Amino acid sequence: MRRDAKADYLYRAAIKKSAIAEALKGEVDRVTYPNFKSSVTDAKLHGAYTRVWSALGPLQENWDKWPMFKEF
């Protein structure tokens, strides 16, 4: 890990892509709920997620401008 007080993030870590892929697969395999929003029971955490959903929701109106999501 590298600390840089002048960067946009204070700390950066160099991680191999294969390690991230393996970790993400493990997390996906642990999903057992049918609906993410309904699975969040902590009120403060649910509030944080709601703010993220609210901020990103308008992007759906321009979904066709995001070529990386064309397959969805």
PDB file of N, CA and C in Angstrom:
ATOM      1  N   MET A   1       0.850  -1.165   0.000  1.00  0.00           N
ATOM      2  CA  MET A   1       0.000   0.000   0.000  1.00  0.00           C
ATOM      3  C   MET A   1       0.899   1.233   0.000  1.00  0.00           C
ATOM      4  N   ARG A   2       0.422   2.242  -0.728  1.00  0.00           N
ATOM      5  CA  ARG A   2       1.196   3.475  -0.862  1.00  0.00           C
ATOM      6  C   ARG A   2       0.342   4.639  -0.369  1.00  0.00           C
ATOM      7  N   ARG A   3       0.946   5.516   0.430  1.00  0.00           N
ATOM      8  CA  ARG A   3       0.262   6.715   0.929  1.00  0.00           C
ATOM      9  C   ARG A   3       0.768   7.915   0.139  1.00  0.00           C
ATOM     10  N   ASP A   4      -0.169   8.744  -0.314  1.00  0.00           N
ATOM     11  CA  ASP A   4       0.207   9.933  -1.080  1.00  0.00           C
ATOM     12  C   ASP A   4      -0.784  11.044  -0.745  1.00  0.00           C
ATOM     13  N   ALA A   5      -0.352  11.988   0.084  1.00  0.00           N
ATOM     14  CA  ALA A   5      -1.222  13.067   0.541  1.00  0.00           C
ATOM     15  C   ALA A   5      -1.623  14.015  -0.580  1.00  0.00           C
ATOM     16  N   LYS A   6      -0.960  13.963  -1.725  1.00  0.00           N
ATOM     17  CA  LYS A   6      -1.281  14.851  -2.838  1.00  0.00           C
ATOM     18  C   LYS A   6      -2.188  14.199  -3.883  1.00  0.00           C
ATOM     19  N   ALA A   7      -2.474  12.933  -3.731  1.00  0.00           N
ATOM     20  CA  ALA A   7      -3.302  12.208  -4.705  1.00  0.00           C
ATOM     21  C   ALA A   7      -4.783  12.386  -4.373  1.00  0.00           C
ATOM     22  N   ASP A   8      -5.657  11.956  -5.290  1.00  0.00           N
ATOM     23  CA  ASP A   8      -7.089  12.071  -5.045  1.00  0.00           C
ATOM     24  C   ASP A   8      -7.567  11.108  -3.963  1.00  0.00           C
ATOM     25  N   TYR A   9      -6.839  10.014  -3.747  1.00  0.00           N
ATOM     26  CA  TYR A   9      -7.093   9.103  -2.635  1.00  0.00           C
ATOM     27  C   TYR A   9      -5.841   9.069  -1.788  1.00  0.00           C
ATOM     28  N   LEU A  10      -5.997   9.075  -0.471  1.00  0.00           N
ATOM     29  CA  LEU A  10      -4.829   9.106   0.406  1.00  0.00           C
ATOM     30  C   LEU A  10      -4.010   7.822   0.300  1.00  0.00           C
ATOM     31  N   TYR A  11      -4.683   6.682   0.167  1.00  0.00           N
ATOM     32  CA  TYR A  11      -3.980   5.403   0.072  1.00  0.00           C
ATOM     33  C   TYR A  11      -4.320   4.703  -1.227  1.00  0.00           C
ATOM     34  N   ARG A  12      -3.355   4.018  -1.788  1.00  0.00           N
ATOM     35  CA  ARG A  12      -3.550   3.192  -2.982  1.00  0.00           C
ATOM     36  C   ARG A  12      -2.894   1.836  -2.731  1.00  0.00           C
ATOM     37  N   ALA A  13      -3.513   0.815  -3.290  1.00  0.00           N
ATOM     38  CA  ALA A  13      -2.977  -0.533  -3.170  1.00  0.00           C
ATOM     39  C   ALA A  13      -2.865  -1.134  -4.564  1.00  0.00           C
ATOM     40  N   ALA A  14      -1.790  -1.837  -4.800  1.00  0.00           N
ATOM     41  CA  ALA A  14      -1.604  -2.544  -6.065  1.00  0.00           C
ATOM     42  C   ALA A  14      -2.020  -3.996  -5.837  1.00  0.00           C
ATOM     43  N   ILE A  15      -3.041  -4.417  -6.552  1.00  0.00           N
ATOM     44  CA  ILE A  15      -3.574  -5.769  -6.394  1.00  0.00           C
ATOM     45  C   ILE A  15      -3.678  -6.404  -7.774  1.00  0.00           C
ATOM     46  N   LYS A  16      -3.270  -7.645  -7.870  1.00  0.00           N
ATOM     47  CA  LYS A  16      -3.360  -8.348  -9.152  1.00  0.00           C
ATOM     48  C   LYS A  16      -4.817  -8.538  -9.556  1.00  0.00           C
ATOM     49  N   LYS A  17      -5.076  -8.376 -10.833  1.00  0.00           N
ATOM     50  CA  LYS A  17      -6.424  -8.530 -11.375  1.00  0.00           C
ATOM     51  C   LYS A  17      -6.992  -9.910 -11.053  1.00  0.00           C
ATOM     52  N   SER A  18      -6.170 -10.933 -11.109  1.00  0.00           N
ATOM     53  CA  SER A  18      -6.643 -12.291 -10.824  1.00  0.00           C
ATOM     54  C   SER A  18      -7.085 -12.432  -9.364  1.00  0.00           C
ATOM     55  N   ALA A  19      -6.429 -11.729  -8.455  1.00  0.00           N
ATOM     56  CA  ALA A  19      -6.814 -11.787  -7.043  1.00  0.00           C
ATOM     57  C   ALA A  19      -8.163 -11.105  -6.833  1.00  0.00           C
ATOM     58  N   ILE A  20      -8.382 -10.004  -7.522  1.00  0.00           N
ATOM     59  CA  ILE A  20      -9.673  -9.311  -7.427  1.00  0.00           C
ATOM     60  C   ILE A  20     -10.777 -10.183  -8.010  1.00  0.00           C
ATOM     61  N   ALA A  21     -10.521 -10.801  -9.149  1.00  0.00           N
ATOM     62  CA  ALA A  21     -11.516 -11.664  -9.789  1.00  0.00           C
ATOM     63  C   ALA A  21     -11.899 -12.821  -8.867  1.00  0.00           C
ATOM     64  N   GLU A  22     -10.925 -13.427  -8.233  1.00  0.00           N
ATOM     65  CA  GLU A  22     -11.195 -14.546  -7.326  1.00  0.00           C
ATOM     66  C   GLU A  22     -12.009 -14.084  -6.123  1.00  0.00           C
ATOM     67  N   ALA A  23     -11.661 -12.942  -5.556  1.00  0.00           N
ATOM     68  CA  ALA A  23     -12.396 -12.414  -4.406  1.00  0.00           C
ATOM     69  C   ALA A  23     -13.831 -12.063  -4.780  1.00  0.00           C
ATOM     70  N   LEU A  24     -14.030 -11.439  -5.930  1.00  0.00           N
ATOM     71  CA  LEU A  24     -15.374 -11.075  -6.363  1.00  0.00           C
ATOM     72  C   LEU A  24     -16.226 -12.314  -6.629  1.00  0.00           C
ATOM     73  N   LYS A  25     -15.634 -13.329  -7.238  1.00  0.00           N
ATOM     74  CA  LYS A  25     -16.381 -14.568  -7.475  1.00  0.00           C
ATOM     75  C   LYS A  25     -16.845 -15.164  -6.154  1.00  0.00           C
ATOM     76  N   GLY A  26     -15.967 -15.154  -5.165  1.00  0.00           N
ATOM     77  CA  GLY A  26     -16.336 -15.672  -3.851  1.00  0.00           C
ATOM     78  C   GLY A  26     -17.503 -14.912  -3.243  1.00  0.00           C
ATOM     79  N   GLU A  27     -17.497 -13.600  -3.397  1.00  0.00           N
ATOM     80  CA  GLU A  27     -18.591 -12.786  -2.863  1.00  0.00           C
ATOM     81  C   GLU A  27     -19.895 -13.044  -3.612  1.00  0.00           C
ATOM     82  N   VAL A  28     -19.828 -13.152  -4.924  1.00  0.00           N
ATOM     83  CA  VAL A  28     -21.030 -13.437  -5.717  1.00  0.00           C
ATOM     84  C   VAL A  28     -21.613 -14.791  -5.318  1.00  0.00           C
ATOM     85  N   ASP A  29     -20.755 -15.763  -5.089  1.00  0.00           N
ATOM     86  CA  ASP A  29     -21.218 -17.093  -4.698  1.00  0.00           C
ATOM     87  C   ASP A  29     -21.923 -17.084  -3.340  1.00  0.00           C
ATOM     88  N   ARG A  30     -21.636 -16.073  -2.498  1.00  0.00           N
ATOM     89  CA  ARG A  30     -22.253 -15.988  -1.167  1.00  0.00           C
ATOM     90  C   ARG A  30     -23.631 -15.330  -1.182  1.00  0.00           C
ATOM     91  N   VAL A  31     -24.041 -14.768  -2.301  1.00  0.00           N
ATOM     92  CA  VAL A  31     -25.339 -14.083  -2.375  1.00  0.00           C
ATOM     93  C   VAL A  31     -26.461 -15.114  -2.265  1.00  0.00           C
ATOM     94  N   THR A  32     -27.343 -14.882  -1.307  1.00  0.00           N
ATOM     95  CA  THR A  32     -28.457 -15.819  -1.082  1.00  0.00           C
ATOM     96  C   THR A  32     -29.813 -15.120  -1.118  1.00  0.00           C
ATOM     97  N   TYR A  33     -29.833 -13.825  -1.303  1.00  0.00           N
ATOM     98  CA  TYR A  33     -31.091 -13.091  -1.261  1.00  0.00           C
ATOM     99  C   TYR A  33     -31.620 -12.851  -2.677  1.00  0.00           C
ATOM    100  N   PRO A  34     -32.948 -12.769  -2.827  1.00  0.00           N
ATOM    101  CA  PRO A  34     -33.517 -12.508  -4.146  1.00  0.00           C
ATOM    102  C   PRO A  34     -33.574 -11.013  -4.498  1.00  0.00           C
ATOM    103  N   ASN A  35     -33.509 -10.142  -3.466  1.00  0.00           N
ATOM    104  CA  ASN A  35     -33.623  -8.704  -3.689  1.00  0.00           C
ATOM    105  C   ASN A  35     -32.669  -7.988  -2.742  1.00  0.00           C
ATOM    106  N   PHE A  36     -31.676  -7.283  -3.305  1.00  0.00           N
ATOM    107  CA  PHE A  36     -30.655  -6.652  -2.474  1.00  0.00           C
ATOM    108  C   PHE A  36     -31.251  -5.621  -1.523  1.00  0.00           C
ATOM    109  N   LYS A  37     -32.059  -4.702  -2.040  1.00  0.00           N
ATOM    110  CA  LYS A  37     -32.589  -3.637  -1.186  1.00  0.00           C
ATOM    111  C   LYS A  37     -33.362  -4.208   0.006  1.00  0.00           C
ATOM    112  N   SER A  38     -34.130  -5.236  -0.232  1.00  0.00           N
ATOM    113  CA  SER A  38     -34.896  -5.853   0.854  1.00  0.00           C
ATOM    114  C   SER A  38     -34.009  -6.593   1.851  1.00  0.00           C
ATOM    115  N   SER A  39     -32.807  -6.934   1.445  1.00  0.00           N
ATOM    116  CA  SER A  39     -31.915  -7.688   2.325  1.00  0.00           C
ATOM    117  C   SER A  39     -31.172  -6.806   3.323  1.00  0.00           C
ATOM    118  N   VAL A  40     -31.169  -5.496   3.116  1.00  0.00           N
ATOM    119  CA  VAL A  40     -30.420  -4.585   3.991  1.00  0.00           C
ATOM    120  C   VAL A  40     -31.308  -4.199   5.166  1.00  0.00           C
ATOM    121  N   THR A  41     -30.943  -4.660   6.359  1.00  0.00           N
ATOM    122  CA  THR A  41     -31.767  -4.416   7.542  1.00  0.00           C
ATOM    123  C   THR A  41     -31.252  -3.265   8.407  1.00  0.00           C
ATOM    124  N   ASP A  42     -29.992  -2.894   8.265  1.00  0.00           N
ATOM    125  CA  ASP A  42     -29.439  -1.785   9.040  1.00  0.00           C
ATOM    126  C   ASP A  42     -29.938  -0.456   8.455  1.00  0.00           C
ATOM    127  N   ALA A  43     -30.605   0.340   9.263  1.00  0.00           N
ATOM    128  CA  ALA A  43     -31.241   1.570   8.780  1.00  0.00           C
ATOM    129  C   ALA A  43     -30.231   2.566   8.208  1.00  0.00           C
ATOM    130  N   LYS A  44     -29.099   2.760   8.883  1.00  0.00           N
ATOM    131  CA  LYS A  44     -28.105   3.717   8.382  1.00  0.00           C
ATOM    132  C   LYS A  44     -27.489   3.239   7.071  1.00  0.00           C
ATOM    133  N   LEU A  45     -27.204   1.954   6.984  1.00  0.00           N
ATOM    134  CA  LEU A  45     -26.643   1.394   5.758  1.00  0.00           C
ATOM    135  C   LEU A  45     -27.666   1.471   4.623  1.00  0.00           C
ATOM    136  N   HIS A  46     -28.909   1.172   4.918  1.00  0.00           N
ATOM    137  CA  HIS A  46     -29.953   1.261   3.901  1.00  0.00           C
ATOM    138  C   HIS A  46     -30.083   2.697   3.402  1.00  0.00           C
ATOM    139  N   GLY A  47     -29.973   3.663   4.314  1.00  0.00           N
ATOM    140  CA  GLY A  47     -30.017   5.068   3.930  1.00  0.00           C
ATOM    141  C   GLY A  47     -28.871   5.440   3.003  1.00  0.00           C
ATOM    142  N   ALA A  48     -27.680   4.924   3.299  1.00  0.00           N
ATOM    143  CA  ALA A  48     -26.520   5.193   2.438  1.00  0.00           C
ATOM    144  C   ALA A  48     -26.737   4.598   1.053  1.00  0.00           C
ATOM    145  N   TYR A  49     -27.226   3.359   1.010  1.00  0.00           N
ATOM    146  CA  TYR A  49     -27.488   2.727  -0.284  1.00  0.00           C
ATOM    147  C   TYR A  49     -28.570   3.490  -1.052  1.00  0.00           C
ATOM    148  N   THR A  50     -29.587   3.971  -0.342  1.00  0.00           N
ATOM    149  CA  THR A  50     -30.653   4.726  -0.996  1.00  0.00           C
ATOM    150  C   THR A  50     -30.104   5.993  -1.643  1.00  0.00           C
ATOM    151  N   ARG A  51     -29.170   6.666  -0.967  1.00  0.00           N
ATOM    152  CA  ARG A  51     -28.562   7.868  -1.550  1.00  0.00           C
ATOM    153  C   ARG A  51     -27.768   7.522  -2.807  1.00  0.00           C
ATOM    154  N   VAL A  52     -27.080   6.390  -2.807  1.00  0.00           N
ATOM    155  CA  VAL A  52     -26.347   5.957  -4.006  1.00  0.00           C
ATOM    156  C   VAL A  52     -27.334   5.645  -5.127  1.00  0.00           C
ATOM    157  N   TRP A  53     -28.379   4.900  -4.831  1.00  0.00           N
ATOM    158  CA  TRP A  53     -29.380   4.572  -5.855  1.00  0.00           C
ATOM    159  C   TRP A  53     -29.986   5.842  -6.433  1.00  0.00           C
ATOM    160  N   SER A  54     -30.259   6.821  -5.563  1.00  0.00           N
ATOM    161  CA  SER A  54     -30.844   8.080  -6.025  1.00  0.00           C
ATOM    162  C   SER A  54     -29.894   8.845  -6.939  1.00  0.00           C
ATOM    163  N   ALA A  55     -28.608   8.815  -6.607  1.00  0.00           N
ATOM    164  CA  ALA A  55     -27.623   9.530  -7.426  1.00  0.00           C
ATOM    165  C   ALA A  55     -27.422   8.854  -8.782  1.00  0.00           C
ATOM    166  N   LEU A  56     -27.458   7.533  -8.808  1.00  0.00           N
ATOM    167  CA  LEU A  56     -27.194   6.810 -10.048  1.00  0.00           C
ATOM    168  C   LEU A  56     -28.443   6.578 -10.895  1.00  0.00           C
ATOM    169  N   GLY A  57     -29.609   6.683 -10.297  1.00  0.00           N
ATOM    170  CA  GLY A  57     -30.849   6.439 -11.019  1.00  0.00           C
ATOM    171  C   GLY A  57     -30.992   7.233 -12.307  1.00  0.00           C
ATOM    172  N   PRO A  58     -30.684   8.540 -12.302  1.00  0.00           N
ATOM    173  CA  PRO A  58     -30.827   9.326 -13.532  1.00  0.00           C
ATOM    174  C   PRO A  58     -29.958   8.831 -14.693  1.00  0.00           C
ATOM    175  N   LEU A  59     -28.892   8.106 -14.409  1.00  0.00           N
ATOM    176  CA  LEU A  59     -28.056   7.580 -15.487  1.00  0.00           C
ATOM    177  C   LEU A  59     -28.818   6.582 -16.352  1.00  0.00           C
ATOM    178  N   GLN A  60     -29.847   5.963 -15.788  1.00  0.00           N
ATOM    179  CA  GLN A  60     -30.620   4.987 -16.555  1.00  0.00           C
ATOM    180  C   GLN A  60     -31.329   5.630 -17.741  1.00  0.00           C
ATOM    181  N   GLU A  61     -31.623   6.918 -17.620  1.00  0.00           N
ATOM    182  CA  GLU A  61     -32.293   7.617 -18.710  1.00  0.00           C
ATOM    183  C   GLU A  61     -31.407   7.696 -19.952  1.00  0.00           C
ATOM    184  N   ASN A  62     -30.097   7.645 -19.760  1.00  0.00           N
ATOM    185  CA  ASN A  62     -29.135   7.733 -20.858  1.00  0.00           C
ATOM    186  C   ASN A  62     -28.330   6.443 -20.999  1.00  0.00           C
ATOM    187  N   TRP A  63     -28.948   5.324 -20.663  1.00  0.00           N
ATOM    188  CA  TRP A  63     -28.260   4.033 -20.653  1.00  0.00           C
ATOM    189  C   TRP A  63     -27.581   3.735 -21.987  1.00  0.00           C
ATOM    190  N   ASP A  64     -28.202   4.153 -23.086  1.00  0.00           N
ATOM    191  CA  ASP A  64     -27.655   3.865 -24.411  1.00  0.00           C
ATOM    192  C   ASP A  64     -26.348   4.615 -24.667  1.00  0.00           C
ATOM    193  N   LYS A  65     -26.014   5.586 -23.841  1.00  0.00           N
ATOM    194  CA  LYS A  65     -24.759   6.332 -24.013  1.00  0.00           C
ATOM    195  C   LYS A  65     -23.594   5.652 -23.289  1.00  0.00           C
ATOM    196  N   TRP A  66     -23.865   4.536 -22.613  1.00  0.00           N
ATOM    197  CA  TRP A  66     -22.847   3.803 -21.864  1.00  0.00           C
ATOM    198  C   TRP A  66     -22.583   2.474 -22.587  1.00  0.00           C
ATOM    199  N   PRO A  67     -21.683   2.473 -23.574  1.00  0.00           N
ATOM    200  CA  PRO A  67     -21.484   1.275 -24.403  1.00  0.00           C
ATOM    201  C   PRO A  67     -21.072   0.025 -23.629  1.00  0.00           C
ATOM    202  N   MET A  68     -20.446   0.193 -22.477  1.00  0.00           N
ATOM    203  CA  MET A  68     -20.008  -0.986 -21.732  1.00  0.00           C
ATOM    204  C   MET A  68     -21.184  -1.767 -21.140  1.00  0.00           C
ATOM    205  N   PHE A  69     -22.375  -1.163 -21.149  1.00  0.00           N
ATOM    206  CA  PHE A  69     -23.544  -1.840 -20.611  1.00  0.00           C
ATOM    207  C   PHE A  69     -24.497  -2.320 -21.699  1.00  0.00           C
ATOM    208  N   LYS A  70     -24.088  -2.261 -22.945  1.00  0.00           N
ATOM    209  CA  LYS A  70     -24.975  -2.629 -24.052  1.00  0.00           C
ATOM    210  C   LYS A  70     -25.514  -4.063 -23.926  1.00  0.00           C
ATOM    211  N   GLU A  71     -24.725  -4.965 -23.354  1.00  0.00           N
ATOM    212  CA  GLU A  71     -25.138  -6.360 -23.278  1.00  0.00           C
ATOM    213  C   GLU A  71     -26.207  -6.596 -22.230  1.00  0.00           C
ATOM    214  N   PHE A  72     -26.483  -5.625 -21.365  1.00  0.00           N
ATOM    215  CA  PHE A  72     -27.459  -5.835 -20.296  1.00  0.00           C
ATOM    216  C   PHE A  72     -28.826  -5.458 -20.741  1.00  0.00           C
TER     217      PHE A  72
END
